[in-house]
């Protein structure tokens, strides 16, 4: 590699670009630039040559035409040996570094009231063309699309006598192609979602998604399957994809899936809460005055299933709670927004326990939800539906009292995260029995009662939540037999009158939500 002599910089996101350009200038590298970027660098005292001056061709069409010129693309695509004669004949000089990021198309269309004309004006043409040219020719050109890579390029230049290593150039080229692919995908998603009147369908005619591989996994759901963990572009703090592992063995495919189920459930609870998940289903969920109390209550629901489970909290995990976990059970993964050094010291007594720190838990991540089927996949938005007592409709003669309403709201939040058919019995801010994934709803109710009996919980005074409407009165009869005093369900069955009558017969309060929470 010959030493870098020339860089072209043209960025929409100006973050870090002044420092990067100043460092290049200090290293004696000539800088070409365009429009606002050139003006910014010039204002900061950095020597810049305008692309229009370099090409001898003015910027036209309100800046739409400026870098689409043989001196630019020839400089990016030219190979030192094969193309040397042509470059010399036409006065084309090599461009050794390209730093470009693109017009903010996605940010533009996300703005309320964005028009088609505004969206079209924010489709970058010259930028992607330059990126692809430079990335294709990464044998000699360094292409930079990510602010985070400015420092890495400068380190190489300083360490390797004004050259960038082949390994870094190849890595950055792949990143550039991924960047332009995501950009084109966003444009395609937008344009194929438009109706003739300018409004948008929620789901586009052609859907493109891009995710970034975090790491390969030892195997998939079973040892004979291969797998990897991918993150959404821009996955926010508070999600599993953005979590940091502070100790423990490598996460497995099933660890990640179960940890996500636990995190989703605990995120929905406001008071200090603990969720224990086994095979994608909560087996114990509880609130408490402290995390320690919440954990002890959640564990007591089903200690047998909790063995080898995933435990999630919605508050930073403290050392006392961590110590109680290790004293009580074998645990695969512990997930919390944060863990102090004292907590990690406690957990280090069991070095194989995987400790995940997610950062502050915000609202549910609202990216699309995918389900693979043979020959395609199903796409839906996330189930972010949430209701409180003010939304419940009492349909029985007896109305729930305040304590019942609090437990009904708690049970309703939990049942959303249990596999259908789902039944949850809850009392005093904790689950006392969970029936998950049974072919019939009444069987789920019986399983929940059986679980409560095994844990020696008195279900009398508990409430019941059903993720979908009760199709027959047998679910109410099973709840009454267990001692349930209030039921929350969506309603909407053709037998609603019969089911309400059954609740009245058993002196059970019942509320309808009008919202279903199937989870398959």
Protein backbone atom coordinates (compact mmCIF):
# COMPACT_ATOMS: atom_id res chain seq x y z
CA UNK A 1 0.00 0.00 0.00
CA UNK A 2 1.18 3.48 -0.89
CA UNK A 3 0.73 6.11 1.82
CA UNK A 4 -2.67 7.80 1.96
CA UNK A 5 -2.54 11.16 0.22
CA UNK A 6 -6.15 12.16 -0.38
CA UNK A 7 -9.51 11.86 1.40
CA UNK A 8 -13.02 12.81 0.35
CA UNK A 9 -15.39 13.78 3.17
CA UNK A 10 -19.11 14.42 2.69
CA UNK A 11 -21.40 13.72 5.64
CA UNK A 12 -24.95 14.50 6.70
CA UNK A 13 -24.23 13.55 10.31
CA UNK A 14 -21.43 15.90 11.29
CA UNK A 15 -20.69 14.18 14.61
CA UNK A 16 -16.92 13.88 15.10
CA UNK A 17 -16.12 14.95 11.56
CA UNK A 18 -14.19 18.12 12.48
CA UNK A 19 -11.80 16.21 14.74
CA UNK A 20 -11.38 13.49 12.12
CA UNK A 21 -10.68 15.96 9.33
CA UNK A 22 -8.31 18.00 11.49
CA UNK A 23 -6.33 14.87 12.28
CA UNK A 24 -6.11 13.98 8.57
CA UNK A 25 -5.02 17.52 7.78
CA UNK A 26 -2.35 17.33 10.48
CA UNK A 27 -1.07 14.12 8.89
CA UNK A 28 -0.66 16.01 5.60
CA UNK A 29 -3.59 14.34 3.82
CA UNK A 30 -5.40 16.43 1.21
CA UNK A 31 -9.14 16.78 1.88
CA UNK A 32 -11.84 17.07 -0.76
CA UNK A 33 -15.34 17.95 0.36
CA UNK A 34 -18.77 19.21 -0.69
CA UNK A 35 -21.43 21.70 0.37
CA UNK A 36 -22.12 22.04 4.06
CA UNK A 37 -19.33 19.71 5.11
CA UNK A 38 -16.73 21.75 3.22
CA UNK A 39 -18.02 24.97 4.74
CA UNK A 40 -17.97 23.53 8.27
CA UNK A 41 -14.40 22.32 7.93
CA UNK A 42 -13.27 25.58 6.39
CA UNK A 43 -14.91 27.53 9.21
CA UNK A 44 -12.89 25.44 11.67
CA UNK A 45 -9.62 26.33 9.98
CA UNK A 46 -9.12 23.09 8.05
CA UNK A 47 -7.78 23.22 4.49
CA UNK A 48 -10.40 21.86 2.11
CA UNK A 49 -10.67 21.61 -1.68
CA UNK A 50 -14.21 21.80 -3.04
CA UNK A 51 -15.18 18.83 -5.19
CA UNK A 52 -16.44 21.26 -7.84
CA UNK A 53 -12.99 22.89 -7.98
CA UNK A 54 -11.33 19.48 -8.10
CA UNK A 55 -13.51 18.15 -10.95
CA UNK A 56 -13.82 21.44 -12.80
CA UNK A 57 -17.57 20.87 -12.92
CA UNK A 58 -19.96 22.97 -10.79
CA UNK A 59 -22.54 21.60 -8.38
CA UNK A 60 -25.91 21.59 -10.15
CA UNK A 61 -29.60 21.04 -9.46
CA UNK A 62 -29.59 22.34 -5.88
CA UNK A 63 -26.72 20.02 -4.98
CA UNK A 64 -28.24 16.89 -6.50
CA UNK A 65 -25.33 16.63 -8.92
CA UNK A 66 -21.88 17.09 -7.44
CA UNK A 67 -19.93 13.86 -6.90
CA UNK A 68 -21.19 11.87 -9.90
CA UNK A 69 -18.09 12.61 -11.97
CA UNK A 70 -15.29 10.45 -13.50
CA UNK A 71 -12.63 12.21 -11.43
CA UNK A 72 -14.45 11.15 -8.27
CA UNK A 73 -15.50 7.63 -9.22
CA UNK A 74 -12.30 7.05 -11.16
CA UNK A 75 -10.36 8.09 -8.08
CA UNK A 76 -12.31 5.60 -5.97
CA UNK A 77 -12.39 2.72 -8.45
CA UNK A 78 -8.92 3.08 -9.98
CA UNK A 79 -6.50 0.19 -9.44
CA UNK A 80 -2.84 1.16 -9.06
CA UNK A 81 -1.52 -1.08 -11.82
CA UNK A 82 -4.37 -1.98 -14.16
CA UNK A 83 -5.81 1.55 -14.38
CA UNK A 84 -2.69 3.71 -13.96
CA UNK A 85 -2.43 4.66 -17.64
CA UNK A 86 -6.11 5.62 -17.97
CA UNK A 87 -5.98 7.64 -14.77
CA UNK A 88 -2.87 9.51 -15.94
CA UNK A 89 -4.37 10.20 -19.37
CA UNK A 90 -7.54 11.72 -17.90
CA UNK A 91 -6.00 13.49 -14.92
CA UNK A 92 -7.65 11.24 -12.34
CA UNK A 93 -5.90 11.11 -8.99
CA UNK A 94 -6.50 8.34 -6.42
CA UNK A 95 -8.89 8.99 -3.51
CA UNK A 96 -7.54 6.87 -0.69
CA UNK A 97 -10.12 7.51 2.06
CA UNK A 98 -13.85 8.10 1.67
CA UNK A 99 -15.85 9.26 4.70
CA UNK A 100 -19.53 9.47 3.81
CA UNK A 101 -22.84 9.07 5.60
CA UNK A 102 -26.12 9.46 3.82
CA UNK A 103 -29.07 11.83 3.73
CA UNK A 104 -31.27 11.12 6.77
CA UNK A 105 -34.05 9.31 4.91
CA UNK A 106 -35.35 7.26 7.85
CA UNK A 107 -35.34 10.24 10.21
CA UNK A 108 -37.20 12.28 7.60
CA UNK A 109 -40.03 9.80 7.01
CA UNK A 110 -40.40 9.30 10.77
CA UNK A 111 -41.42 12.94 11.20
CA UNK A 112 -45.15 13.58 11.51
CA UNK A 113 -46.57 15.05 8.33
CA UNK A 114 -43.63 14.06 6.12
CA UNK A 115 -44.67 14.43 2.49
CA UNK A 116 -43.64 12.23 -0.41
CA UNK A 117 -41.71 15.16 -1.89
CA UNK A 118 -39.74 15.58 1.34
CA UNK A 119 -39.01 11.87 1.46
CA UNK A 120 -37.82 11.83 -2.16
CA UNK A 121 -35.48 14.78 -1.57
CA UNK A 122 -33.83 12.80 1.22
CA UNK A 123 -32.98 9.84 -0.99
CA UNK A 124 -29.22 10.03 -1.42
CA UNK A 125 -27.87 9.07 -4.85
CA UNK A 126 -24.24 10.19 -4.98
CA UNK A 127 -23.43 8.96 -1.47
CA UNK A 128 -24.39 5.31 -1.99
CA UNK A 129 -22.67 5.33 -5.40
CA UNK A 130 -19.41 6.52 -3.84
CA UNK A 131 -19.69 4.09 -0.93
CA UNK A 132 -20.19 1.13 -3.24
CA UNK A 133 -17.29 2.21 -5.45
CA UNK A 134 -14.92 2.64 -2.52
CA UNK A 135 -16.07 -0.58 -0.85
CA UNK A 136 -15.64 -2.53 -4.07
CA UNK A 137 -12.10 -1.18 -4.37
CA UNK A 138 -11.19 -1.70 -0.70
CA UNK A 139 -7.94 -3.31 -1.81
CA UNK A 140 -6.68 0.26 -2.06
CA UNK A 141 -9.42 2.51 -0.61
CA UNK A 142 -10.59 2.93 2.99
CA UNK A 143 -14.33 3.63 3.29
CA UNK A 144 -15.84 4.96 6.52
CA UNK A 145 -19.60 5.15 7.20
CA UNK A 146 -19.62 4.95 11.00
CA UNK A 147 -18.51 7.73 13.31
CA UNK A 148 -17.19 5.07 15.68
CA UNK A 149 -14.58 4.07 13.08
CA UNK A 150 -12.91 7.46 12.67
CA UNK A 151 -10.55 6.76 15.56
CA UNK A 152 -9.69 3.28 14.30
CA UNK A 153 -8.67 4.63 10.89
CA UNK A 154 -6.55 7.36 12.47
CA UNK A 155 -4.84 4.82 14.74
CA UNK A 156 -3.89 2.74 11.71
CA UNK A 157 -2.61 5.78 9.81
CA UNK A 158 -0.41 6.81 12.73
CA UNK A 159 0.81 3.29 13.47
CA UNK A 160 1.42 2.08 9.92
CA UNK A 161 3.10 5.06 8.28
CA UNK A 162 0.00 6.62 6.71
CA UNK A 163 -1.49 3.32 5.56
CA UNK A 164 -4.56 1.40 6.68
CA UNK A 165 -4.26 -2.34 7.18
CA UNK A 166 -5.96 -4.67 4.67
CA UNK A 167 -7.93 -6.26 7.51
CA UNK A 168 -9.50 -2.95 8.58
CA UNK A 169 -10.18 -1.91 4.98
CA UNK A 170 -12.01 -5.20 4.33
CA UNK A 171 -14.04 -4.90 7.53
CA UNK A 172 -15.06 -1.31 6.76
CA UNK A 173 -15.98 -2.23 3.18
CA UNK A 174 -18.35 -4.93 4.38
CA UNK A 175 -19.83 -2.42 6.80
CA UNK A 176 -20.37 0.05 3.96
CA UNK A 177 -22.24 -2.52 1.86
CA UNK A 178 -24.42 -3.39 4.88
CA UNK A 179 -25.07 0.32 5.37
CA UNK A 180 -26.20 0.92 1.79
CA UNK A 181 -28.29 -2.26 1.85
CA UNK A 182 -30.14 -1.05 4.94
CA UNK A 183 -30.58 2.37 3.38
CA UNK A 184 -32.04 0.93 0.17
CA UNK A 185 -34.23 -1.37 2.24
CA UNK A 186 -35.69 1.56 4.15
CA UNK A 187 -36.48 3.35 0.89
CA UNK A 188 -38.10 0.22 -0.56
CA UNK A 189 -40.15 -0.34 2.60
CA UNK A 190 -41.40 3.24 2.45
CA UNK A 191 -42.19 3.47 -1.25
CA UNK A 192 -43.97 0.10 -1.40
CA UNK A 193 -46.13 1.09 1.59
CA UNK A 194 -47.62 4.15 -0.13
CA UNK A 195 -51.25 4.32 -1.18
CA UNK A 196 -52.31 6.29 -4.24
CA UNK A 197 -53.56 9.12 -2.00
CA UNK A 198 -50.19 9.46 -0.28
CA UNK A 199 -51.17 7.71 2.95
CA UNK A 200 -49.30 4.60 3.99
CA UNK A 201 -50.16 0.96 4.57
CA UNK A 202 -48.79 -0.32 7.85
CA UNK A 203 -47.08 -3.19 6.06
CA UNK A 204 -45.20 -2.52 2.80
CA UNK A 205 -45.57 -4.49 -0.40
CA UNK A 206 -41.92 -5.50 -0.13
CA UNK A 207 -40.35 -5.80 3.31
CA UNK A 208 -36.63 -5.61 4.00
CA UNK A 209 -35.07 -5.94 7.44
CA UNK A 210 -31.43 -5.81 8.38
CA UNK A 211 -29.95 -7.10 11.60
CA UNK A 212 -26.40 -7.18 12.91
CA UNK A 213 -24.86 -10.42 14.12
CA UNK A 214 -23.75 -10.15 17.73
CA UNK A 215 -22.16 -13.58 17.93
CA UNK A 216 -22.42 -17.22 16.94
CA UNK A 217 -23.96 -19.63 19.43
CA UNK A 218 -22.66 -23.08 20.31
CA UNK A 219 -25.84 -24.53 18.83
CA UNK A 220 -29.52 -23.76 18.36
CA UNK A 221 -32.62 -24.98 20.13
CA UNK A 222 -31.10 -28.47 19.92
CA UNK A 223 -27.45 -29.51 19.63
CA UNK A 224 -27.79 -30.61 16.00
CA UNK A 225 -28.91 -27.09 14.97
CA UNK A 226 -26.56 -24.17 14.29
CA UNK A 227 -27.48 -20.67 15.43
CA UNK A 228 -26.40 -17.07 15.92
CA UNK A 229 -27.74 -14.06 17.83
CA UNK A 230 -28.65 -10.96 15.80
CA UNK A 231 -29.65 -7.47 16.95
CA UNK A 232 -32.00 -4.95 15.38
CA UNK A 233 -30.29 -1.87 13.99
CA UNK A 234 -30.28 0.61 16.86
CA UNK A 235 -31.58 -1.81 19.50
CA UNK A 236 -32.09 0.47 22.53
CA UNK A 237 -30.86 0.06 26.09
CA UNK A 238 -33.17 -2.11 28.14
CA UNK A 239 -33.36 -4.80 25.47
CA UNK A 240 -31.65 -8.16 25.53
CA UNK A 241 -29.74 -7.34 22.34
CA UNK A 242 -28.17 -4.34 24.08
CA UNK A 243 -27.42 -6.18 27.34
CA UNK A 244 -23.90 -6.72 28.68
CA UNK A 245 -22.89 -10.08 30.12
CA UNK A 246 -20.95 -9.46 33.33
CA UNK A 247 -20.07 -13.07 34.14
CA UNK A 248 -20.88 -16.68 33.33
CA UNK A 249 -20.72 -19.19 30.52
CA UNK A 250 -21.66 -18.25 26.98
CA UNK A 251 -25.37 -17.78 26.48
CA UNK A 252 -27.21 -20.53 24.64
CA UNK A 253 -30.05 -20.17 22.14
CA UNK A 254 -32.58 -21.24 24.79
CA UNK A 255 -31.01 -18.99 27.43
CA UNK A 256 -31.55 -15.99 25.18
CA UNK A 257 -35.12 -16.91 24.26
CA UNK A 258 -36.11 -17.52 27.89
CA UNK A 259 -34.29 -14.43 29.15
CA UNK A 260 -36.20 -12.34 26.63
CA UNK A 261 -39.52 -13.80 27.83
CA UNK A 262 -38.61 -13.01 31.44
CA UNK A 263 -37.43 -9.51 30.59
CA UNK A 264 -40.59 -8.72 28.61
CA UNK A 265 -42.80 -9.77 31.52
CA UNK A 266 -40.88 -8.01 34.29
CA UNK A 267 -40.68 -4.82 32.21
CA UNK A 268 -44.48 -4.57 32.33
CA UNK A 269 -44.58 -4.42 36.14
CA UNK A 270 -44.12 -1.13 37.98
CA UNK A 271 -43.41 -2.13 41.60
CA UNK A 272 -40.24 -4.06 42.47
CA UNK A 273 -40.82 -7.36 40.69
CA UNK A 274 -39.28 -10.74 39.93
CA UNK A 275 -40.15 -13.08 37.07
CA UNK A 276 -38.86 -16.65 36.87
CA UNK A 277 -39.15 -18.32 33.46
CA UNK A 278 -38.70 -21.93 32.43
CA UNK A 279 -39.05 -23.05 28.82
CA UNK A 280 -40.46 -19.68 27.69
CA UNK A 281 -43.25 -19.62 30.32
CA UNK A 282 -43.31 -17.73 33.60
CA UNK A 283 -43.43 -20.22 36.48
CA UNK A 284 -43.43 -17.56 39.21
CA UNK A 285 -44.11 -13.82 39.14
CA UNK A 286 -44.37 -11.56 42.17
CA UNK A 287 -44.24 -8.00 43.41
CA UNK A 288 -42.61 -7.02 46.69
CA UNK A 289 -41.58 -4.14 48.87
CA UNK A 290 -38.02 -5.07 47.85
CA UNK A 291 -36.42 -7.26 45.21
CA UNK A 292 -35.60 -9.81 47.89
CA UNK A 293 -39.24 -10.10 48.87
CA UNK A 294 -40.34 -10.22 45.23
CA UNK A 295 -37.84 -13.02 44.49
CA UNK A 296 -38.79 -15.09 47.54
CA UNK A 297 -42.47 -14.84 46.65
CA UNK A 298 -41.88 -15.68 42.98
CA UNK A 299 -39.68 -18.64 43.90
CA UNK A 300 -42.26 -19.99 46.34
CA UNK A 301 -44.85 -20.27 43.54
CA UNK A 302 -43.12 -23.23 41.86
CA UNK A 303 -39.69 -24.10 43.27
CA UNK A 304 -39.55 -27.27 41.21
CA UNK A 305 -39.92 -25.47 37.87
CA UNK A 306 -37.68 -22.61 39.01
CA UNK A 307 -34.72 -25.02 39.12
CA UNK A 308 -32.46 -24.17 36.17
CA UNK A 309 -34.66 -21.23 35.23
CA UNK A 310 -34.12 -17.65 34.14
CA UNK A 311 -34.68 -14.90 36.72
CA UNK A 312 -35.39 -11.29 35.74
CA UNK A 313 -35.81 -8.15 37.83
CA UNK A 314 -37.03 -4.63 37.02
CA UNK A 315 -34.66 -2.95 39.49
CA UNK A 316 -30.87 -3.13 39.93
CA UNK A 317 -30.05 -6.45 41.60
CA UNK A 318 -28.71 -6.14 45.14
CA UNK A 319 -26.26 -8.44 46.88
CA UNK A 320 -28.75 -9.81 49.43
CA UNK A 321 -31.15 -10.94 46.70
CA UNK A 322 -28.28 -12.46 44.69
CA UNK A 323 -27.16 -14.40 47.78
CA UNK A 324 -30.67 -15.73 48.37
CA UNK A 325 -30.91 -16.91 44.75
CA UNK A 326 -27.68 -18.91 45.05
CA UNK A 327 -28.80 -20.31 48.40
CA UNK A 328 -32.18 -21.43 47.04
CA UNK A 329 -31.61 -22.81 43.58
CA UNK A 330 -29.61 -23.60 40.49
CA UNK A 331 -30.08 -20.72 38.05
CA UNK A 332 -28.98 -20.40 34.43
CA UNK A 333 -29.32 -16.63 33.89
CA UNK A 334 -30.01 -13.58 36.06
CA UNK A 335 -31.16 -10.43 34.24
CA UNK A 336 -31.47 -6.95 35.75
CA UNK A 337 -31.09 -3.31 34.71
CA UNK A 338 -27.85 -3.13 36.71
CA UNK A 339 -25.69 -5.02 39.20
CA UNK A 340 -23.20 -3.40 41.54
CA UNK A 341 -19.74 -4.77 42.27
CA UNK A 342 -20.96 -6.23 45.58
CA UNK A 343 -23.68 -8.14 43.73
CA UNK A 344 -21.25 -9.46 41.13
CA UNK A 345 -18.91 -10.55 43.92
CA UNK A 346 -21.73 -12.63 45.40
CA UNK A 347 -22.61 -14.15 42.02
CA UNK A 348 -18.96 -14.97 41.36
CA UNK A 349 -19.30 -17.79 43.89
CA UNK A 350 -21.12 -19.56 41.04
CA UNK A 351 -18.97 -18.50 38.05
CA UNK A 352 -21.13 -20.36 35.53
CA UNK A 353 -24.21 -18.26 36.33
CA UNK A 354 -24.77 -15.86 33.47
CA UNK A 355 -25.31 -12.30 34.72
CA UNK A 356 -26.88 -9.89 32.22
CA UNK A 357 -27.17 -6.12 32.69
CA UNK A 358 -29.65 -4.48 30.34
CA UNK A 359 -29.55 -0.82 31.30
CA UNK A 360 -32.66 1.09 32.29
CA UNK A 361 -35.86 -0.66 31.26
CA UNK A 362 -37.96 1.66 29.14
CA UNK A 363 -41.21 0.89 27.39
CA UNK A 364 -41.50 -2.23 25.27
CA UNK A 365 -39.33 -2.31 22.17
CA UNK A 366 -41.72 -1.69 19.28
CA UNK A 367 -39.90 -3.27 16.35
CA UNK A 368 -41.80 -5.77 14.24
CA UNK A 369 -42.53 -9.28 15.46
CA UNK A 370 -41.62 -12.11 13.08
CA UNK A 371 -42.75 -15.70 12.97
CA UNK A 372 -41.14 -18.03 10.43
CA UNK A 373 -43.37 -20.39 8.46
CA UNK A 374 -42.46 -22.69 5.58
CA UNK A 375 -41.84 -20.58 2.50
CA UNK A 376 -42.15 -17.22 4.22
CA UNK A 377 -42.83 -15.49 7.50
CA UNK A 378 -45.61 -13.72 9.35
CA UNK A 379 -45.09 -10.10 10.30
CA UNK A 380 -46.99 -8.18 12.96
CA UNK A 381 -46.42 -5.28 15.27
CA UNK A 382 -45.53 -6.11 18.86
CA UNK A 383 -48.29 -6.78 21.38
CA UNK A 384 -47.88 -3.61 23.40
CA UNK A 385 -51.51 -3.47 24.49
CA UNK A 386 -51.78 -2.57 28.17
CA UNK A 387 -54.90 -1.93 30.25
CA UNK A 388 -55.52 -0.82 33.81
CA UNK A 389 -58.47 -1.02 36.20
CA UNK A 390 -60.01 2.08 34.63
CA UNK A 391 -60.38 0.10 31.40
CA UNK A 392 -62.08 -2.95 32.91
CA UNK A 393 -65.81 -3.47 32.39
CA UNK A 394 -67.66 -5.21 35.22
CA UNK A 395 -70.26 -7.62 33.78
CA UNK A 396 -71.45 -9.46 36.91
CA UNK A 397 -73.77 -8.47 39.74
CA UNK A 398 -70.80 -8.33 42.09
CA UNK A 399 -68.12 -5.74 41.31
CA UNK A 400 -64.51 -6.37 42.32
CA UNK A 401 -63.25 -4.38 45.30
CA UNK A 402 -60.01 -2.39 45.21
CA UNK A 403 -57.83 -5.32 46.32
CA UNK A 404 -59.38 -7.54 43.67
CA UNK A 405 -58.88 -4.87 41.02
CA UNK A 406 -55.18 -4.60 41.89
CA UNK A 407 -54.76 -8.36 41.61
CA UNK A 408 -56.80 -8.50 38.40
CA UNK A 409 -54.56 -5.82 36.84
CA UNK A 410 -51.45 -7.76 37.96
CA UNK A 411 -52.76 -11.09 36.65
CA UNK A 412 -53.76 -9.47 33.36
CA UNK A 413 -50.24 -8.17 32.83
CA UNK A 414 -48.72 -11.58 33.58
CA UNK A 415 -51.09 -13.68 31.46
CA UNK A 416 -49.95 -11.79 28.37
CA UNK A 417 -46.57 -13.53 28.66
CA UNK A 418 -47.85 -17.07 29.22
CA UNK A 419 -48.21 -19.41 26.24
CA UNK A 420 -51.81 -19.93 25.12
CA UNK A 421 -54.10 -21.33 26.34
CA UNK A 422 -53.07 -19.29 29.38
CA UNK A 423 -54.62 -19.12 32.84
CA UNK A 424 -53.07 -17.26 35.78
CA UNK A 425 -54.22 -17.38 39.39
CA UNK A 426 -52.94 -14.45 41.44
CA UNK A 427 -53.30 -13.20 45.00
CA UNK A 428 -51.78 -10.26 46.85
CA UNK A 429 -49.46 -9.29 43.99
CA UNK A 430 -48.06 -12.73 43.15
CA UNK A 431 -48.99 -15.64 40.96
CA UNK A 432 -50.19 -18.68 42.92
CA UNK A 433 -50.78 -20.95 39.94
CA UNK A 434 -50.09 -20.81 36.18
CA UNK A 435 -51.55 -23.04 33.51
CA UNK A 436 -49.78 -22.68 30.17
CA UNK A 437 -50.04 -24.08 26.67
CA UNK A 438 -52.85 -26.58 27.19
CA UNK A 439 -55.11 -27.56 24.27
CA UNK A 440 -58.21 -26.57 26.27
CA UNK A 441 -58.71 -23.55 28.48
CA UNK A 442 -60.35 -25.50 31.27
CA UNK A 443 -57.32 -27.81 31.37
CA UNK A 444 -55.09 -24.73 31.83
CA UNK A 445 -57.33 -23.68 34.73
CA UNK A 446 -56.97 -27.13 36.28
CA UNK A 447 -53.20 -27.09 35.82
CA UNK A 448 -53.04 -23.68 37.53
CA UNK A 449 -55.04 -25.05 40.45
CA UNK A 450 -52.83 -28.14 40.61
CA UNK A 451 -49.70 -25.95 40.69
CA UNK A 452 -51.19 -23.90 43.52
CA UNK A 453 -52.01 -27.06 45.44
CA UNK A 454 -48.48 -28.43 44.96
CA UNK A 455 -47.04 -25.19 46.37
CA UNK A 456 -49.55 -25.42 49.26
CA UNK A 457 -51.11 -22.05 48.38
CA UNK A 458 -54.61 -21.26 49.51
CA UNK A 459 -56.32 -20.10 46.32
CA UNK A 460 -59.40 -18.88 48.20
CA UNK A 461 -59.56 -15.14 47.60
CA UNK A 462 -57.38 -15.32 44.47
CA UNK A 463 -58.26 -13.92 41.06
CA UNK A 464 -58.02 -15.61 37.66
CA UNK A 465 -56.88 -14.15 34.34
CA UNK A 466 -57.53 -15.77 30.97
CA UNK A 467 -55.61 -14.57 27.89
CA UNK A 468 -58.64 -15.17 25.63
CA UNK A 469 -62.37 -15.43 26.22
CA UNK A 470 -63.77 -18.36 28.17
CA UNK A 471 -65.63 -20.46 25.60
CA UNK A 472 -67.64 -22.48 28.13
CA UNK A 473 -68.76 -22.13 31.71
CA UNK A 474 -66.49 -25.02 32.76
CA UNK A 475 -63.62 -22.55 33.17
CA UNK A 476 -65.70 -20.55 35.65
CA UNK A 477 -66.72 -23.74 37.47
CA UNK A 478 -63.07 -24.80 37.77
CA UNK A 479 -62.15 -21.36 39.11
CA UNK A 480 -64.97 -21.48 41.64
CA UNK A 481 -63.91 -24.93 42.80
CA UNK A 482 -60.38 -23.59 43.38
CA UNK A 483 -61.70 -20.65 45.42
CA UNK A 484 -61.30 -17.81 42.88
CA UNK A 485 -63.30 -14.66 43.75
CA UNK A 486 -62.78 -12.60 40.56
CA UNK A 487 -62.04 -13.28 36.91
CA UNK A 488 -60.59 -11.07 34.18
CA UNK A 489 -60.98 -12.10 30.54
CA UNK A 490 -61.45 -10.41 27.15
CA UNK A 491 -65.09 -11.43 26.68
CA UNK A 492 -66.59 -11.86 23.23
CA UNK A 493 -67.72 -15.49 23.34
CA UNK A 494 -71.10 -16.44 21.90
CA UNK A 495 -71.72 -17.91 25.37
CA UNK A 496 -70.85 -14.75 27.30
CA UNK A 497 -74.32 -14.64 28.89
CA UNK A 498 -74.01 -18.22 30.07
CA UNK A 499 -70.51 -17.57 31.42
CA UNK A 500 -71.57 -14.38 33.22
CA UNK A 501 -74.52 -16.27 34.71
CA UNK A 502 -72.13 -18.97 35.94
CA UNK A 503 -69.98 -16.30 37.62
CA UNK A 504 -73.07 -14.81 39.26
CA UNK A 505 -74.10 -18.28 40.40
CA UNK A 506 -70.74 -18.71 42.14
CA UNK A 507 -70.69 -15.11 43.49
CA UNK A 508 -67.57 -14.39 41.43
CA UNK A 509 -66.89 -10.88 40.15
CA UNK A 510 -65.99 -10.77 36.47
CA UNK A 511 -64.56 -8.01 34.29
CA UNK A 512 -64.09 -7.89 30.53
CA UNK A 513 -61.12 -6.19 28.86
CA UNK A 514 -62.11 -6.38 25.19
CA UNK A 515 -58.47 -7.24 24.43
CA UNK A 516 -56.96 -10.67 23.77
CA UNK A 517 -53.36 -11.71 24.45
CA UNK A 518 -52.71 -14.93 22.53
CA UNK A 519 -49.04 -15.96 22.67
CA UNK A 520 -48.02 -18.91 20.51
